[in-house]
Amino acid sequence: MKNMFGIAPASHYGGSWNKSALHTPSTDRSVVDICLYKKPFLSVVDGVTALTGAHLSGTPKKLNTILASLDPVALDARGSELLGHDPRSLEYLVLGERAGLGVITDYEAASYPP
């Protein structure tokens, strides 16, 4: 869902495009706001090699999977599970679900590939 940063025109950001401004006061709220402005129709995650840990300097993790969904919240929730996170602990997913952008689902029994 965060990859939607940049989809709105500069006027949406007060006249100029400053991506760093989206991280203040809350990246989580900004992600949801952008997705409410323009909900993704189809979301795709390249999970062949994921990056765990710190942004841009994490450790590569081979997942060998591609995810796609019409539900951006469910897609990010599943991706977070593959990286070992509890999706309900990620504020932007909880906020996105509350805002009606999608549903966090328990995929444990139905996920394929694992």
N, C-alpha and C. Protein backbone atom coordinates (compact mmCIF):
# COMPACT_ATOMS: atom_id res chain seq x y z
N MET A 1 0.82 -1.19 0.00
CA MET A 1 0.00 0.00 0.00
C MET A 1 0.87 1.26 0.00
N LYS A 2 2.04 1.17 0.62
CA LYS A 2 2.90 2.36 0.69
C LYS A 2 3.39 2.78 -0.69
N ASN A 3 3.45 1.85 -1.62
CA ASN A 3 3.89 2.21 -2.96
C ASN A 3 2.93 3.15 -3.68
N MET A 4 1.79 3.41 -3.08
CA MET A 4 0.85 4.37 -3.64
C MET A 4 1.33 5.81 -3.42
N PHE A 5 2.34 6.01 -2.56
CA PHE A 5 2.90 7.35 -2.39
C PHE A 5 3.32 7.86 -3.76
N GLY A 6 2.87 9.04 -4.10
CA GLY A 6 3.22 9.62 -5.39
C GLY A 6 2.10 9.55 -6.41
N ILE A 7 1.02 8.83 -6.09
CA ILE A 7 -0.08 8.69 -7.05
C ILE A 7 -0.91 9.97 -7.16
N ALA A 8 -0.99 10.71 -6.06
CA ALA A 8 -1.79 11.94 -6.07
C ALA A 8 -1.00 13.09 -6.69
N PRO A 9 -1.71 14.05 -7.30
CA PRO A 9 -1.01 15.20 -7.88
C PRO A 9 -0.43 16.11 -6.78
N ALA A 10 0.50 16.96 -7.17
CA ALA A 10 1.18 17.85 -6.21
C ALA A 10 0.20 18.68 -5.40
N SER A 11 -0.93 19.07 -6.00
CA SER A 11 -1.90 19.90 -5.28
C SER A 11 -2.45 19.19 -4.03
N HIS A 12 -2.47 17.86 -4.06
CA HIS A 12 -2.93 17.09 -2.91
C HIS A 12 -1.99 17.26 -1.72
N TYR A 13 -0.75 17.59 -1.98
CA TYR A 13 0.26 17.75 -0.93
C TYR A 13 0.53 19.21 -0.62
N GLY A 14 -0.39 20.09 -0.95
CA GLY A 14 -0.23 21.50 -0.64
C GLY A 14 0.56 22.27 -1.68
N GLY A 15 0.61 21.79 -2.92
CA GLY A 15 1.22 22.54 -4.01
C GLY A 15 2.56 22.06 -4.47
N SER A 16 3.24 21.24 -3.68
CA SER A 16 4.54 20.73 -4.14
C SER A 16 4.70 19.29 -3.67
N TRP A 17 5.46 18.55 -4.40
CA TRP A 17 5.65 17.14 -4.10
C TRP A 17 6.88 16.98 -3.22
N ASN A 18 6.65 16.58 -1.99
CA ASN A 18 7.72 16.33 -1.04
C ASN A 18 7.40 15.02 -0.34
N LYS A 19 7.91 13.93 -0.88
CA LYS A 19 7.58 12.61 -0.37
C LYS A 19 7.92 12.47 1.12
N SER A 20 8.97 13.12 1.56
CA SER A 20 9.35 12.99 2.97
C SER A 20 8.27 13.54 3.90
N ALA A 21 7.47 14.48 3.41
CA ALA A 21 6.38 15.04 4.23
C ALA A 21 5.33 13.99 4.56
N LEU A 22 5.23 12.94 3.75
CA LEU A 22 4.25 11.89 4.00
C LEU A 22 4.60 11.05 5.23
N HIS A 23 5.82 11.14 5.68
CA HIS A 23 6.25 10.37 6.84
C HIS A 23 5.96 11.10 8.15
N THR A 24 5.42 12.33 8.07
CA THR A 24 5.15 13.12 9.26
C THR A 24 3.70 13.57 9.24
N PRO A 25 2.93 13.48 10.24
CA PRO A 25 3.29 12.97 11.55
C PRO A 25 3.23 11.45 11.64
N SER A 26 2.61 10.77 10.67
CA SER A 26 2.47 9.31 10.75
C SER A 26 2.50 8.69 9.36
N THR A 27 3.51 7.90 9.09
CA THR A 27 3.57 7.17 7.82
C THR A 27 2.35 6.27 7.69
N ASP A 28 1.95 5.62 8.78
CA ASP A 28 0.81 4.71 8.74
C ASP A 28 -0.46 5.43 8.28
N ARG A 29 -0.73 6.59 8.84
CA ARG A 29 -1.93 7.35 8.45
C ARG A 29 -1.81 7.86 7.02
N SER A 30 -0.61 8.24 6.62
CA SER A 30 -0.40 8.72 5.25
C SER A 30 -0.66 7.63 4.23
N VAL A 31 -0.23 6.41 4.53
CA VAL A 31 -0.46 5.28 3.62
C VAL A 31 -1.97 5.09 3.42
N VAL A 32 -2.71 5.10 4.51
CA VAL A 32 -4.16 4.91 4.43
C VAL A 32 -4.81 6.08 3.70
N ASP A 33 -4.37 7.30 3.99
CA ASP A 33 -4.93 8.49 3.34
C ASP A 33 -4.75 8.42 1.82
N ILE A 34 -3.57 8.07 1.38
CA ILE A 34 -3.29 7.97 -0.06
C ILE A 34 -4.17 6.89 -0.69
N CYS A 35 -4.32 5.76 -0.01
CA CYS A 35 -5.14 4.68 -0.56
C CYS A 35 -6.63 5.02 -0.54
N LEU A 36 -7.04 5.88 0.39
CA LEU A 36 -8.43 6.36 0.37
C LEU A 36 -8.64 7.36 -0.76
N TYR A 37 -7.61 8.14 -1.06
CA TYR A 37 -7.67 9.09 -2.17
C TYR A 37 -7.86 8.34 -3.49
N LYS A 38 -7.10 7.27 -3.67
CA LYS A 38 -7.19 6.44 -4.87
C LYS A 38 -6.91 4.99 -4.48
N LYS A 39 -7.98 4.24 -4.23
CA LYS A 39 -7.81 2.84 -3.82
C LYS A 39 -7.18 2.03 -4.94
N PRO A 40 -6.16 1.26 -4.60
CA PRO A 40 -5.56 0.39 -5.63
C PRO A 40 -6.61 -0.59 -6.18
N PHE A 41 -6.63 -0.75 -7.50
CA PHE A 41 -7.55 -1.71 -8.11
C PHE A 41 -6.99 -3.11 -8.00
N LEU A 42 -5.74 -3.27 -8.37
CA LEU A 42 -5.05 -4.55 -8.29
C LEU A 42 -3.70 -4.30 -7.64
N SER A 43 -3.40 -5.04 -6.61
CA SER A 43 -2.11 -4.91 -5.93
C SER A 43 -1.29 -6.16 -6.21
N VAL A 44 -0.01 -5.95 -6.49
CA VAL A 44 0.91 -7.05 -6.79
C VAL A 44 2.17 -6.86 -5.96
N VAL A 45 2.64 -7.94 -5.35
CA VAL A 45 3.87 -7.92 -4.58
C VAL A 45 4.84 -8.92 -5.19
N ASP A 46 6.02 -8.42 -5.54
CA ASP A 46 7.10 -9.29 -6.00
C ASP A 46 7.80 -9.81 -4.76
N GLY A 47 7.49 -11.04 -4.41
CA GLY A 47 8.08 -11.66 -3.22
C GLY A 47 9.11 -12.71 -3.55
N VAL A 48 9.73 -12.60 -4.72
CA VAL A 48 10.77 -13.56 -5.08
C VAL A 48 11.92 -13.43 -4.08
N THR A 49 12.39 -12.20 -3.90
CA THR A 49 13.38 -11.91 -2.87
C THR A 49 12.89 -10.71 -2.08
N ALA A 50 12.65 -10.92 -0.80
CA ALA A 50 12.18 -9.84 0.07
C ALA A 50 13.37 -9.25 0.82
N LEU A 51 13.16 -8.10 1.42
CA LEU A 51 14.18 -7.45 2.21
C LEU A 51 13.67 -7.37 3.64
N THR A 52 14.36 -8.03 4.56
CA THR A 52 13.96 -8.02 5.96
C THR A 52 14.86 -7.07 6.74
N GLY A 53 14.32 -6.53 7.81
CA GLY A 53 15.11 -5.62 8.65
C GLY A 53 14.97 -4.19 8.19
N ALA A 54 16.05 -3.45 8.23
CA ALA A 54 16.05 -2.02 7.93
C ALA A 54 15.74 -1.74 6.47
N HIS A 55 15.02 -0.65 6.25
CA HIS A 55 14.66 -0.20 4.91
C HIS A 55 15.91 0.09 4.10
N LEU A 56 16.01 -0.48 2.91
CA LEU A 56 17.11 -0.31 1.96
C LEU A 56 18.42 -0.94 2.38
N SER A 57 18.55 -1.35 3.63
CA SER A 57 19.81 -1.98 4.03
C SER A 57 19.55 -3.27 4.81
N GLY A 58 18.42 -3.91 4.52
CA GLY A 58 18.07 -5.13 5.22
C GLY A 58 18.78 -6.34 4.65
N THR A 59 18.32 -7.49 5.09
CA THR A 59 18.88 -8.76 4.66
C THR A 59 17.94 -9.41 3.65
N PRO A 60 18.45 -9.79 2.47
CA PRO A 60 17.59 -10.46 1.49
C PRO A 60 17.08 -11.80 2.02
N LYS A 61 15.82 -12.10 1.71
CA LYS A 61 15.20 -13.37 2.09
C LYS A 61 14.46 -13.92 0.88
N LYS A 62 14.86 -15.11 0.42
CA LYS A 62 14.22 -15.75 -0.73
C LYS A 62 12.86 -16.30 -0.33
N LEU A 63 11.80 -15.78 -0.94
CA LEU A 63 10.45 -16.28 -0.71
C LEU A 63 9.92 -17.00 -1.95
N ASN A 64 10.47 -16.67 -3.10
CA ASN A 64 10.09 -17.30 -4.36
C ASN A 64 8.58 -17.31 -4.58
N THR A 65 7.97 -16.16 -4.42
CA THR A 65 6.52 -16.06 -4.62
C THR A 65 6.14 -14.70 -5.17
N ILE A 66 5.03 -14.66 -5.86
CA ILE A 66 4.40 -13.43 -6.32
C ILE A 66 2.99 -13.44 -5.74
N LEU A 67 2.58 -12.33 -5.14
CA LEU A 67 1.24 -12.22 -4.57
C LEU A 67 0.45 -11.19 -5.37
N ALA A 68 -0.84 -11.43 -5.53
CA ALA A 68 -1.72 -10.46 -6.20
C ALA A 68 -3.09 -10.54 -5.56
N SER A 69 -3.75 -9.38 -5.45
CA SER A 69 -5.08 -9.35 -4.85
C SER A 69 -5.81 -8.06 -5.22
N LEU A 70 -7.12 -8.12 -5.22
CA LEU A 70 -7.94 -6.93 -5.36
C LEU A 70 -8.12 -6.24 -4.00
N ASP A 71 -7.66 -6.88 -2.93
CA ASP A 71 -7.75 -6.35 -1.57
C ASP A 71 -6.35 -5.97 -1.10
N PRO A 72 -6.01 -4.66 -1.10
CA PRO A 72 -4.66 -4.25 -0.75
C PRO A 72 -4.29 -4.52 0.71
N VAL A 73 -5.26 -4.49 1.61
CA VAL A 73 -5.00 -4.77 3.02
C VAL A 73 -4.65 -6.25 3.19
N ALA A 74 -5.46 -7.13 2.60
CA ALA A 74 -5.21 -8.56 2.71
C ALA A 74 -3.86 -8.92 2.09
N LEU A 75 -3.54 -8.29 0.97
CA LEU A 75 -2.27 -8.59 0.30
C LEU A 75 -1.08 -8.20 1.18
N ASP A 76 -1.10 -6.99 1.73
CA ASP A 76 -0.01 -6.57 2.59
C ASP A 76 0.03 -7.39 3.88
N ALA A 77 -1.14 -7.80 4.37
CA ALA A 77 -1.19 -8.64 5.57
C ALA A 77 -0.49 -9.97 5.30
N ARG A 78 -0.79 -10.58 4.17
CA ARG A 78 -0.16 -11.86 3.83
C ARG A 78 1.35 -11.68 3.63
N GLY A 79 1.74 -10.61 2.96
CA GLY A 79 3.15 -10.34 2.78
C GLY A 79 3.87 -10.16 4.10
N SER A 80 3.22 -9.48 5.04
CA SER A 80 3.84 -9.27 6.35
C SER A 80 4.00 -10.59 7.09
N GLU A 81 3.01 -11.49 6.94
CA GLU A 81 3.12 -12.81 7.56
C GLU A 81 4.30 -13.59 7.00
N LEU A 82 4.50 -13.50 5.70
CA LEU A 82 5.63 -14.20 5.08
C LEU A 82 6.98 -13.69 5.61
N LEU A 83 6.99 -12.46 6.09
CA LEU A 83 8.21 -11.89 6.67
C LEU A 83 8.27 -12.08 8.19
N GLY A 84 7.29 -12.81 8.74
CA GLY A 84 7.31 -13.13 10.16
C GLY A 84 6.63 -12.12 11.07
N HIS A 85 5.82 -11.22 10.50
CA HIS A 85 5.12 -10.21 11.30
C HIS A 85 3.68 -10.63 11.55
N ASP A 86 3.12 -10.14 12.63
CA ASP A 86 1.70 -10.28 12.90
C ASP A 86 1.02 -9.08 12.26
N PRO A 87 0.20 -9.28 11.22
CA PRO A 87 -0.41 -8.15 10.53
C PRO A 87 -1.23 -7.25 11.44
N ARG A 88 -1.82 -7.80 12.48
CA ARG A 88 -2.63 -6.99 13.40
C ARG A 88 -1.77 -6.07 14.26
N SER A 89 -0.44 -6.26 14.22
CA SER A 89 0.46 -5.37 14.98
C SER A 89 0.95 -4.21 14.11
N LEU A 90 0.56 -4.20 12.83
CA LEU A 90 1.00 -3.15 11.90
C LEU A 90 -0.11 -2.10 11.79
N GLU A 91 0.18 -0.91 12.29
CA GLU A 91 -0.84 0.13 12.41
C GLU A 91 -1.52 0.45 11.08
N TYR A 92 -0.76 0.54 9.98
CA TYR A 92 -1.38 0.93 8.72
C TYR A 92 -2.37 -0.12 8.24
N LEU A 93 -2.14 -1.40 8.55
CA LEU A 93 -3.09 -2.44 8.15
C LEU A 93 -4.37 -2.35 8.98
N VAL A 94 -4.23 -2.13 10.28
CA VAL A 94 -5.39 -1.98 11.15
C VAL A 94 -6.20 -0.74 10.74
N LEU A 95 -5.50 0.38 10.49
CA LEU A 95 -6.18 1.60 10.05
C LEU A 95 -6.85 1.40 8.69
N GLY A 96 -6.17 0.71 7.78
CA GLY A 96 -6.73 0.45 6.46
C GLY A 96 -7.98 -0.40 6.52
N GLU A 97 -7.96 -1.40 7.39
CA GLU A 97 -9.15 -2.24 7.55
C GLU A 97 -10.30 -1.41 8.12
N ARG A 98 -10.03 -0.60 9.15
CA ARG A 98 -11.07 0.25 9.76
C ARG A 98 -11.64 1.24 8.75
N ALA A 99 -10.80 1.70 7.82
CA ALA A 99 -11.24 2.68 6.83
C ALA A 99 -11.98 2.04 5.66
N GLY A 100 -12.07 0.70 5.65
CA GLY A 100 -12.81 0.02 4.60
C GLY A 100 -12.01 -0.28 3.35
N LEU A 101 -10.68 -0.24 3.45
CA LEU A 101 -9.83 -0.53 2.28
C LEU A 101 -9.66 -2.02 2.02
N GLY A 102 -9.98 -2.84 2.99
CA GLY A 102 -9.82 -4.28 2.85
C GLY A 102 -9.93 -4.95 4.20
N VAL A 103 -9.59 -6.24 4.24
CA VAL A 103 -9.76 -7.02 5.46
C VAL A 103 -8.48 -7.80 5.74
N ILE A 104 -8.03 -7.69 6.99
CA ILE A 104 -6.91 -8.53 7.44
C ILE A 104 -7.51 -9.91 7.69
N THR A 105 -6.93 -10.94 7.07
CA THR A 105 -7.48 -12.28 7.12
C THR A 105 -6.44 -13.25 7.66
N ASP A 106 -6.89 -14.32 8.28
CA ASP A 106 -6.00 -15.38 8.73
C ASP A 106 -5.79 -16.33 7.56
N TYR A 107 -4.62 -16.30 6.97
CA TYR A 107 -4.32 -17.12 5.79
C TYR A 107 -3.63 -18.42 6.14
N GLU A 108 -3.33 -18.67 7.40
CA GLU A 108 -2.51 -19.81 7.78
C GLU A 108 -3.01 -21.12 7.17
N ALA A 109 -4.31 -21.36 7.24
CA ALA A 109 -4.84 -22.64 6.75
C ALA A 109 -4.95 -22.70 5.24
N ALA A 110 -5.03 -21.55 4.58
CA ALA A 110 -5.33 -21.54 3.15
C ALA A 110 -4.18 -21.06 2.27
N SER A 111 -3.04 -20.73 2.85
CA SER A 111 -1.98 -20.12 2.03
C SER A 111 -1.30 -21.14 1.13
N TYR A 112 -1.06 -20.71 -0.07
CA TYR A 112 -0.32 -21.52 -1.04
C TYR A 112 0.34 -20.55 -2.02
N PRO A 113 1.63 -20.63 -2.24
CA PRO A 113 2.56 -21.53 -1.54
C PRO A 113 2.81 -21.05 -0.12
N PRO A 114 3.41 -21.91 0.70
CA PRO A 114 3.64 -21.57 2.12
C PRO A 114 4.55 -20.36 2.25
